[in-house]
PDB file of N, CA and C in Angstrom:
ATOM      1  N   MET A   1       0.640  -1.136   0.180  1.00  0.00           N
ATOM      2  CA  MET A   1       0.013   0.008   0.376  1.00  0.00           C
ATOM      3  C   MET A   1       1.087   1.079  -0.007  1.00  0.00           C
ATOM      4  N   LYS A   2       0.097   2.043  -0.543  1.00  0.00           N
ATOM      5  CA  LYS A   2       1.125   3.599  -0.553  1.00  0.00           C
ATOM      6  C   LYS A   2       0.495   4.514   0.251  1.00  0.00           C
ATOM      7  N   ALA A   3       1.611   5.226   1.198  1.00  0.00           N
ATOM      8  CA  ALA A   3       0.939   6.451   1.686  1.00  0.00           C
ATOM      9  C   ALA A   3       1.887   7.804   0.873  1.00  0.00           C
ATOM     10  N   THR A   4       1.125   8.987   1.200  1.00  0.00           N
ATOM     11  CA  THR A   4       2.039   9.901   0.584  1.00  0.00           C
ATOM     12  C   THR A   4       2.506  11.411   1.895  1.00  0.00           C
ATOM     13  N   LEU A   5       3.544  11.281   2.173  1.00  0.00           N
ATOM     14  CA  LEU A   5       4.204  12.577   3.064  1.00  0.00           C
ATOM     15  C   LEU A   5       3.635  13.750   2.725  1.00  0.00           C
ATOM     16  N   SER A   6       2.962  14.516   3.638  1.00  0.00           N
ATOM     17  CA  SER A   6       2.247  15.643   3.778  1.00  0.00           C
ATOM     18  C   SER A   6       3.342  17.002   3.600  1.00  0.00           C
ATOM     19  N   SER A   7       3.061  18.146   3.175  1.00  0.00           N
ATOM     20  CA  SER A   7       4.376  18.870   3.568  1.00  0.00           C
ATOM     21  C   SER A   7       4.428  19.303   4.926  1.00  0.00           C
ATOM     22  N   LYS A   8       3.949  18.585   6.026  1.00  0.00           N
ATOM     23  CA  LYS A   8       3.980  18.770   7.233  1.00  0.00           C
ATOM     24  C   LYS A   8       5.155  17.566   7.561  1.00  0.00           C
ATOM     25  N   GLY A   9       5.450  16.255   6.459  1.00  0.00           N
ATOM     26  CA  GLY A   9       5.800  15.726   6.843  1.00  0.00           C
ATOM     27  C   GLY A   9       5.196  14.577   7.490  1.00  0.00           C
ATOM     28  N   GLN A  10       3.897  14.890   7.601  1.00  0.00           N
ATOM     29  CA  GLN A  10       3.153  13.476   8.105  1.00  0.00           C
ATOM     30  C   GLN A  10       2.656  12.382   7.249  1.00  0.00           C
ATOM     31  N   LEU A  11       2.662  11.064   7.541  1.00  0.00           N
ATOM     32  CA  LEU A  11       1.998  10.301   6.589  1.00  0.00           C
ATOM     33  C   LEU A  11       1.292   9.411   7.532  1.00  0.00           C
ATOM     34  N   VAL A  12      -0.012   9.303   6.555  1.00  0.00           N
ATOM     35  CA  VAL A  12      -1.519   8.378   7.016  1.00  0.00           C
ATOM     36  C   VAL A  12      -1.288   6.785   6.860  1.00  0.00           C
ATOM     37  N   LEU A  13      -1.469   6.226   7.677  1.00  0.00           N
ATOM     38  CA  LEU A  13      -1.220   4.739   7.397  1.00  0.00           C
ATOM     39  C   LEU A  13      -2.683   4.369   6.752  1.00  0.00           C
ATOM     40  N   PRO A  14      -2.786   3.195   5.906  1.00  0.00           N
ATOM     41  CA  PRO A  14      -4.216   2.886   5.112  1.00  0.00           C
ATOM     42  C   PRO A  14      -4.931   2.751   6.290  1.00  0.00           C
ATOM     43  N   ALA A  15      -6.114   2.990   5.995  1.00  0.00           N
ATOM     44  CA  ALA A  15      -7.307   2.791   6.801  1.00  0.00           C
ATOM     45  C   ALA A  15      -7.390   1.495   7.162  1.00  0.00           C
ATOM     46  N   ASP A  16      -6.779   0.255   6.167  1.00  0.00           N
ATOM     47  CA  ASP A  16      -6.756  -1.295   6.360  1.00  0.00           C
ATOM     48  C   ASP A  16      -5.922  -1.550   7.504  1.00  0.00           C
ATOM     49  N   PHE A  17      -4.972  -0.900   7.263  1.00  0.00           N
ATOM     50  CA  PHE A  17      -3.677  -1.564   8.288  1.00  0.00           C
ATOM     51  C   PHE A  17      -4.605  -1.040   9.883  1.00  0.00           C
ATOM     52  N   ARG A  18      -5.078   0.390  10.064  1.00  0.00           N
ATOM     53  CA  ARG A  18      -5.373   0.889  11.167  1.00  0.00           C
ATOM     54  C   ARG A  18      -6.519   0.337  11.654  1.00  0.00           C
ATOM     55  N   GLU A  19      -7.509  -0.238  11.059  1.00  0.00           N
ATOM     56  CA  GLU A  19      -8.931  -1.523  11.471  1.00  0.00           C
ATOM     57  C   GLU A  19      -7.984  -2.319  12.025  1.00  0.00           C
ATOM     58  N   ARG A  20      -7.279  -3.467  11.046  1.00  0.00           N
ATOM     59  CA  ARG A  20      -7.377  -4.265  11.342  1.00  0.00           C
ATOM     60  C   ARG A  20      -6.185  -4.525  12.874  1.00  0.00           C
ATOM     61  N   ASP A  21      -5.151  -3.357  12.989  1.00  0.00           N
ATOM     62  CA  ASP A  21      -4.339  -3.596  14.442  1.00  0.00           C
ATOM     63  C   ASP A  21      -4.808  -2.607  15.400  1.00  0.00           C
ATOM     64  N   ARG A  22      -6.098  -2.303  14.762  1.00  0.00           N
ATOM     65  CA  ARG A  22      -6.960  -1.402  16.137  1.00  0.00           C
ATOM     66  C   ARG A  22      -5.980  -0.172  16.367  1.00  0.00           C
ATOM     67  N   LEU A  23      -5.672   0.511  15.496  1.00  0.00           N
ATOM     68  CA  LEU A  23      -4.602   1.861  15.851  1.00  0.00           C
ATOM     69  C   LEU A  23      -5.807   3.261  16.159  1.00  0.00           C
ATOM     70  N   ARG A  24      -5.357   3.699  17.217  1.00  0.00           N
ATOM     71  CA  ARG A  24      -6.302   4.864  17.483  1.00  0.00           C
ATOM     72  C   ARG A  24      -5.352   6.151  17.925  1.00  0.00           C
ATOM     73  N   ALA A  25      -5.943   7.149  17.566  1.00  0.00           N
ATOM     74  CA  ALA A  25      -5.326   8.798  17.603  1.00  0.00           C
ATOM     75  C   ALA A  25      -4.283   8.885  18.975  1.00  0.00           C
ATOM     76  N   GLY A  26      -3.401   9.161  18.612  1.00  0.00           N
ATOM     77  CA  GLY A  26      -2.538   9.357  20.357  1.00  0.00           C
ATOM     78  C   GLY A  26      -1.906   8.187  20.337  1.00  0.00           C
ATOM     79  N   GLN A  27      -1.641   7.163  19.577  1.00  0.00           N
ATOM     80  CA  GLN A  27      -0.895   6.061  20.216  1.00  0.00           C
ATOM     81  C   GLN A  27       0.249   6.666  19.326  1.00  0.00           C
ATOM     82  N   VAL A  28       1.440   6.032  20.009  1.00  0.00           N
ATOM     83  CA  VAL A  28       2.969   6.528  20.014  1.00  0.00           C
ATOM     84  C   VAL A  28       3.616   5.283  19.050  1.00  0.00           C
ATOM     85  N   PHE A  29       4.651   5.943  18.010  1.00  0.00           N
ATOM     86  CA  PHE A  29       5.117   4.939  17.496  1.00  0.00           C
ATOM     87  C   PHE A  29       6.373   5.366  17.310  1.00  0.00           C
ATOM     88  N   GLU A  30       7.602   4.214  17.593  1.00  0.00           N
ATOM     89  CA  GLU A  30       8.891   4.396  17.091  1.00  0.00           C
ATOM     90  C   GLU A  30       9.219   4.649  15.534  1.00  0.00           C
ATOM     91  N   VAL A  31      10.088   5.360  15.151  1.00  0.00           N
ATOM     92  CA  VAL A  31      10.174   5.297  13.938  1.00  0.00           C
ATOM     93  C   VAL A  31      12.246   5.254  13.885  1.00  0.00           C
ATOM     94  N   GLU A  32      12.154   4.273  13.027  1.00  0.00           N
ATOM     95  CA  GLU A  32      13.982   3.779  13.073  1.00  0.00           C
ATOM     96  C   GLU A  32      14.497   4.126  11.707  1.00  0.00           C
ATOM     97  N   ARG A  33      15.242   4.456  11.413  1.00  0.00           N
ATOM     98  CA  ARG A  33      16.025   4.694   9.944  1.00  0.00           C
ATOM     99  C   ARG A  33      16.761   3.294   9.517  1.00  0.00           C
ATOM    100  N   LEU A  34      16.425   2.775   8.934  1.00  0.00           N
ATOM    101  CA  LEU A  34      17.458   1.424   8.267  1.00  0.00           C
ATOM    102  C   LEU A  34      18.450   1.589   7.447  1.00  0.00           C
ATOM    103  N   ASP A  35      18.024   2.266   6.620  1.00  0.00           N
ATOM    104  CA  ASP A  35      19.150   2.642   5.184  1.00  0.00           C
ATOM    105  C   ASP A  35      18.341   3.902   4.398  1.00  0.00           C
ATOM    106  N   GLU A  36      19.036   4.379   3.733  1.00  0.00           N
ATOM    107  CA  GLU A  36      18.488   5.632   2.532  1.00  0.00           C
ATOM    108  C   GLU A  36      17.045   4.898   2.118  1.00  0.00           C
ATOM    109  N   GLY A  37      15.978   5.457   2.677  1.00  0.00           N
ATOM    110  CA  GLY A  37      14.899   4.941   2.005  1.00  0.00           C
ATOM    111  C   GLY A  37      14.286   3.977   2.217  1.00  0.00           C
ATOM    112  N   GLU A  38      14.923   3.547   3.581  1.00  0.00           N
ATOM    113  CA  GLU A  38      14.128   2.309   4.232  1.00  0.00           C
ATOM    114  C   GLU A  38      13.859   2.725   5.844  1.00  0.00           C
ATOM    115  N   TYR A  39      12.831   2.722   6.333  1.00  0.00           N
ATOM    116  CA  TYR A  39      12.284   2.688   7.546  1.00  0.00           C
ATOM    117  C   TYR A  39      11.553   2.070   8.545  1.00  0.00           C
ATOM    118  N   ARG A  40      11.345   1.775   9.545  1.00  0.00           N
ATOM    119  CA  ARG A  40      10.672   0.871  10.221  1.00  0.00           C
ATOM    120  C   ARG A  40       9.708   1.433  11.370  1.00  0.00           C
ATOM    121  N   LEU A  41       8.547   0.818  11.061  1.00  0.00           N
ATOM    122  CA  LEU A  41       7.895   1.760  11.937  1.00  0.00           C
ATOM    123  C   LEU A  41       7.201   0.615  12.979  1.00  0.00           C
ATOM    124  N   ARG A  42       7.419   1.036  14.382  1.00  0.00           N
ATOM    125  CA  ARG A  42       6.844   0.057  15.538  1.00  0.00           C
ATOM    126  C   ARG A  42       5.695   0.613  16.373  1.00  0.00           C
ATOM    127  N   ARG A  43       4.694   0.247  16.835  1.00  0.00           N
ATOM    128  CA  ARG A  43       4.134   0.849  17.658  1.00  0.00           C
ATOM    129  C   ARG A  43       4.470   0.537  19.109  1.00  0.00           C
ATOM    130  N   LEU A  44       4.356   1.469  19.846  1.00  0.00           N
ATOM    131  CA  LEU A  44       5.265   1.354  21.463  1.00  0.00           C
ATOM    132  C   LEU A  44       4.147   0.640  22.241  1.00  0.00           C
ATOM    133  N   ALA A  45       4.341  -0.048  23.117  1.00  0.00           N
ATOM    134  CA  ALA A  45       3.216  -0.474  23.947  1.00  0.00           C
ATOM    135  C   ALA A  45       2.847   0.764  24.999  1.00  0.00           C
ATOM    136  N   PRO A  46       1.485   0.873  25.343  1.00  0.00           N
ATOM    137  CA  PRO A  46       1.186   2.043  26.236  1.00  0.00           C
ATOM    138  C   PRO A  46       1.485   2.184  27.248  1.00  0.00           C
ATOM    139  N   ALA A  47       1.984   3.022  28.082  1.00  0.00           N
ATOM    140  CA  ALA A  47       2.549   2.847  29.896  1.00  0.00           C
ATOM    141  C   ALA A  47       1.354   1.920  30.466  1.00  0.00           C
ATOM    142  N   PRO A  48       1.937   1.115  31.442  1.00  0.00           N
ATOM    143  CA  PRO A  48       0.882   0.856  32.474  1.00  0.00           C
ATOM    144  C   PRO A  48      -0.301   1.492  32.861  1.00  0.00           C
ATOM    145  N   ASN A  49      -1.428   1.533  32.812  1.00  0.00           N
ATOM    146  CA  ASN A  49      -2.525   2.054  33.510  1.00  0.00           C
ATOM    147  C   ASN A  49      -2.640   3.075  32.451  1.00  0.00           C
ATOM    148  N   GLN A  50      -2.093   3.374  31.633  1.00  0.00           N
ATOM    149  CA  GLN A  50      -2.477   4.537  30.752  1.00  0.00           C
ATOM    150  C   GLN A  50      -3.867   4.762  30.427  1.00  0.00           C
ATOM    151  N   GLY A  51      -4.309   5.711  30.599  1.00  0.00           N
ATOM    152  CA  GLY A  51      -5.742   6.259  30.632  1.00  0.00           C
ATOM    153  C   GLY A  51      -6.625   5.671  31.417  1.00  0.00           C
ATOM    154  N   LEU A  52      -6.395   5.229  32.666  1.00  0.00           N
ATOM    155  CA  LEU A  52      -6.931   4.906  33.745  1.00  0.00           C
ATOM    156  C   LEU A  52      -7.554   5.781  34.587  1.00  0.00           C
ATOM    157  N   VAL A  53      -6.891   7.010  34.925  1.00  0.00           N
ATOM    158  CA  VAL A  53      -7.557   8.302  35.568  1.00  0.00           C
ATOM    159  C   VAL A  53      -8.786   8.588  34.653  1.00  0.00           C
ATOM    160  N   ALA A  54      -8.417   8.653  33.538  1.00  0.00           N
ATOM    161  CA  ALA A  54      -9.650   9.475  32.282  1.00  0.00           C
ATOM    162  C   ALA A  54     -10.749   8.405  32.765  1.00  0.00           C
ATOM    163  N   TRP A  55     -10.747   7.267  32.587  1.00  0.00           N
ATOM    164  CA  TRP A  55     -11.825   6.221  32.544  1.00  0.00           C
ATOM    165  C   TRP A  55     -12.310   6.403  33.739  1.00  0.00           C
ATOM    166  N   LEU A  56     -11.312   6.246  34.834  1.00  0.00           N
ATOM    167  CA  LEU A  56     -12.254   6.379  36.091  1.00  0.00           C
ATOM    168  C   LEU A  56     -13.155   8.030  36.568  1.00  0.00           C
ATOM    169  N   ARG A  57     -12.427   8.757  35.833  1.00  0.00           N
ATOM    170  CA  ARG A  57     -13.502  10.068  35.945  1.00  0.00           C
ATOM    171  C   ARG A  57     -14.384   9.663  34.977  1.00  0.00           C
ATOM    172  N   SER A  58     -14.374   9.233  33.855  1.00  0.00           N
ATOM    173  CA  SER A  58     -15.694   8.881  33.158  1.00  0.00           C
ATOM    174  C   SER A  58     -16.727   8.452  33.918  1.00  0.00           C
ATOM    175  N   CYS A  59     -16.358   7.557  34.651  1.00  0.00           N
ATOM    176  CA  CYS A  59     -17.749   6.934  35.356  1.00  0.00           C
ATOM    177  C   CYS A  59     -18.346   7.721  36.176  1.00  0.00           C
ATOM    178  N   PRO A  60     -19.770   7.189  36.498  1.00  0.00           N
ATOM    179  CA  PRO A  60     -20.830   8.002  37.315  1.00  0.00           C
ATOM    180  C   PRO A  60     -20.206   8.297  38.731  1.00  0.00           C
ATOM    181  N   GLY A  61     -20.583   9.350  39.113  1.00  0.00           N
ATOM    182  CA  GLY A  61     -19.908   9.848  40.335  1.00  0.00           C
ATOM    183  C   GLY A  61     -18.148  10.188  40.372  1.00  0.00           C
ATOM    184  N   GLY A  62     -17.690  10.246  39.041  1.00  0.00           N
ATOM    185  CA  GLY A  62     -16.665  10.648  39.121  1.00  0.00           C
ATOM    186  C   GLY A  62     -15.291   9.213  39.312  1.00  0.00           C
ATOM    187  N   GLY A  63     -15.979   8.044  39.774  1.00  0.00           N
ATOM    188  CA  GLY A  63     -15.447   7.039  39.467  1.00  0.00           C
ATOM    189  C   GLY A  63     -14.228   6.678  40.471  1.00  0.00           C
ATOM    190  N   LEU A  64     -13.776   8.009  40.976  1.00  0.00           N
ATOM    191  CA  LEU A  64     -12.789   7.863  42.268  1.00  0.00           C
ATOM    192  C   LEU A  64     -13.579   7.666  43.859  1.00  0.00           C
ATOM    193  N   PRO A  65     -12.500   6.700  44.079  1.00  0.00           N
ATOM    194  CA  PRO A  65     -13.220   6.429  45.456  1.00  0.00           C
ATOM    195  C   PRO A  65     -13.261   7.215  46.737  1.00  0.00           C
ATOM    196  N   ASP A  66     -14.118   7.022  47.394  1.00  0.00           N
ATOM    197  CA  ASP A  66     -14.243   8.117  48.839  1.00  0.00           C
ATOM    198  C   ASP A  66     -13.098   7.911  49.808  1.00  0.00           C
ATOM    199  N   PRO A  67     -12.711   8.909  49.967  1.00  0.00           N
ATOM    200  CA  PRO A  67     -11.435   8.795  50.924  1.00  0.00           C
ATOM    201  C   PRO A  67     -11.936   9.037  52.148  1.00  0.00           C
ATOM    202  N   ASN A  68     -12.799   9.163  52.684  1.00  0.00           N
ATOM    203  CA  ASN A  68     -13.394   8.705  53.877  1.00  0.00           C
ATOM    204  C   ASN A  68     -14.622   8.185  54.065  1.00  0.00           C
ATOM    205  N   PRO A  69     -14.188   6.337  53.704  1.00  0.00           N
ATOM    206  CA  PRO A  69     -15.912   5.739  53.341  1.00  0.00           C
ATOM    207  C   PRO A  69     -16.162   5.617  54.596  1.00  0.00           C
ATOM    208  N   ARG A  70     -17.481   5.129  54.797  1.00  0.00           N
ATOM    209  CA  ARG A  70     -18.266   4.631  55.774  1.00  0.00           C
ATOM    210  C   ARG A  70     -18.070   3.158  56.283  1.00  0.00           C
ATOM    211  N   SER A  71     -18.499   2.956  57.300  1.00  0.00           N
ATOM    212  CA  SER A  71     -17.942   1.261  57.427  1.00  0.00           C
ATOM    213  C   SER A  71     -19.598   0.793  57.624  1.00  0.00           C
ATOM    214  N   GLU A  72     -19.732  -0.367  56.937  1.00  0.00           N
ATOM    215  CA  GLU A  72     -20.956  -0.663  56.833  1.00  0.00           C
ATOM    216  C   GLU A  72     -20.732  -2.558  56.946  1.00  0.00           C
ATOM    217  N   SER A  73     -21.837  -3.000  57.376  1.00  0.00           N
ATOM    218  CA  SER A  73     -21.707  -4.600  57.726  1.00  0.00           C
ATOM    219  C   SER A  73     -22.023  -5.212  55.944  1.00  0.00           C
ATOM    220  N   THR A  74     -21.417  -6.528  56.088  1.00  0.00           N
ATOM    221  CA  THR A  74     -21.382  -7.181  54.939  1.00  0.00           C
ATOM    222  C   THR A  74     -23.089  -7.831  55.127  1.00  0.00           C
ATOM    223  N   ASP A  75     -23.336  -7.607  56.103  1.00  0.00           N
ATOM    224  CA  ASP A  75     -24.952  -8.541  56.275  1.00  0.00           C
ATOM    225  C   ASP A  75     -25.686  -7.885  55.217  1.00  0.00           C
ATOM    226  N   SER A  76     -25.849  -6.444  55.104  1.00  0.00           N
ATOM    227  CA  SER A  76     -26.393  -5.887  54.331  1.00  0.00           C
ATOM    228  C   SER A  76     -26.226  -6.278  52.765  1.00  0.00           C
ATOM    229  N   PHE A  77     -25.115  -6.897  52.613  1.00  0.00           N
ATOM    230  CA  PHE A  77     -25.000  -7.417  51.050  1.00  0.00           C
ATOM    231  C   PHE A  77     -25.712  -8.654  50.736  1.00  0.00           C
ATOM    232  N   PHE A  78     -25.689  -9.587  51.712  1.00  0.00           N
ATOM    233  CA  PHE A  78     -26.028 -11.021  51.993  1.00  0.00           C
ATOM    234  C   PHE A  78     -27.204 -10.932  53.158  1.00  0.00           C
ATOM    235  N   PRO A  79     -28.066 -10.484  52.459  1.00  0.00           N
ATOM    236  CA  PRO A  79     -29.572 -10.453  53.928  1.00  0.00           C
ATOM    237  C   PRO A  79     -29.955 -12.091  53.948  1.00  0.00           C
ATOM    238  N   ASP A  80     -30.278 -12.631  52.940  1.00  0.00           N
ATOM    239  CA  ASP A  80     -30.686 -13.967  53.222  1.00  0.00           C
ATOM    240  C   ASP A  80     -29.667 -15.204  53.743  1.00  0.00           C
ATOM    241  N   ILE A  81     -28.661 -14.969  53.827  1.00  0.00           N
ATOM    242  CA  ILE A  81     -27.514 -15.549  54.594  1.00  0.00           C
ATOM    243  C   ILE A  81     -27.756 -15.464  55.561  1.00  0.00           C
ATOM    244  N   GLN A  82     -27.851 -16.487  56.628  1.00  0.00           N
ATOM    245  CA  GLN A  82     -27.933 -16.554  58.316  1.00  0.00           C
ATOM    246  C   GLN A  82     -26.492 -17.409  59.084  1.00  0.00           C
TER     247      GLN A  82
END
């Protein structure tokens, strides 16, 4: 497949590649020059827990744990168990 370099130095990966490899905007790649006219593009693994805070904040109620939780009995969770 072909890709054209823009005047800003940007390449667009073909949609088939993006869909097949589930590529998303913001993912980081390493570009290595192998030789004149030869390059290697490698997707870098995301940092552990990358996006976790944003995901938690998108949860109802902000998703963040209560810093001062009240204590409660587990009996309220299992009322039928004696």
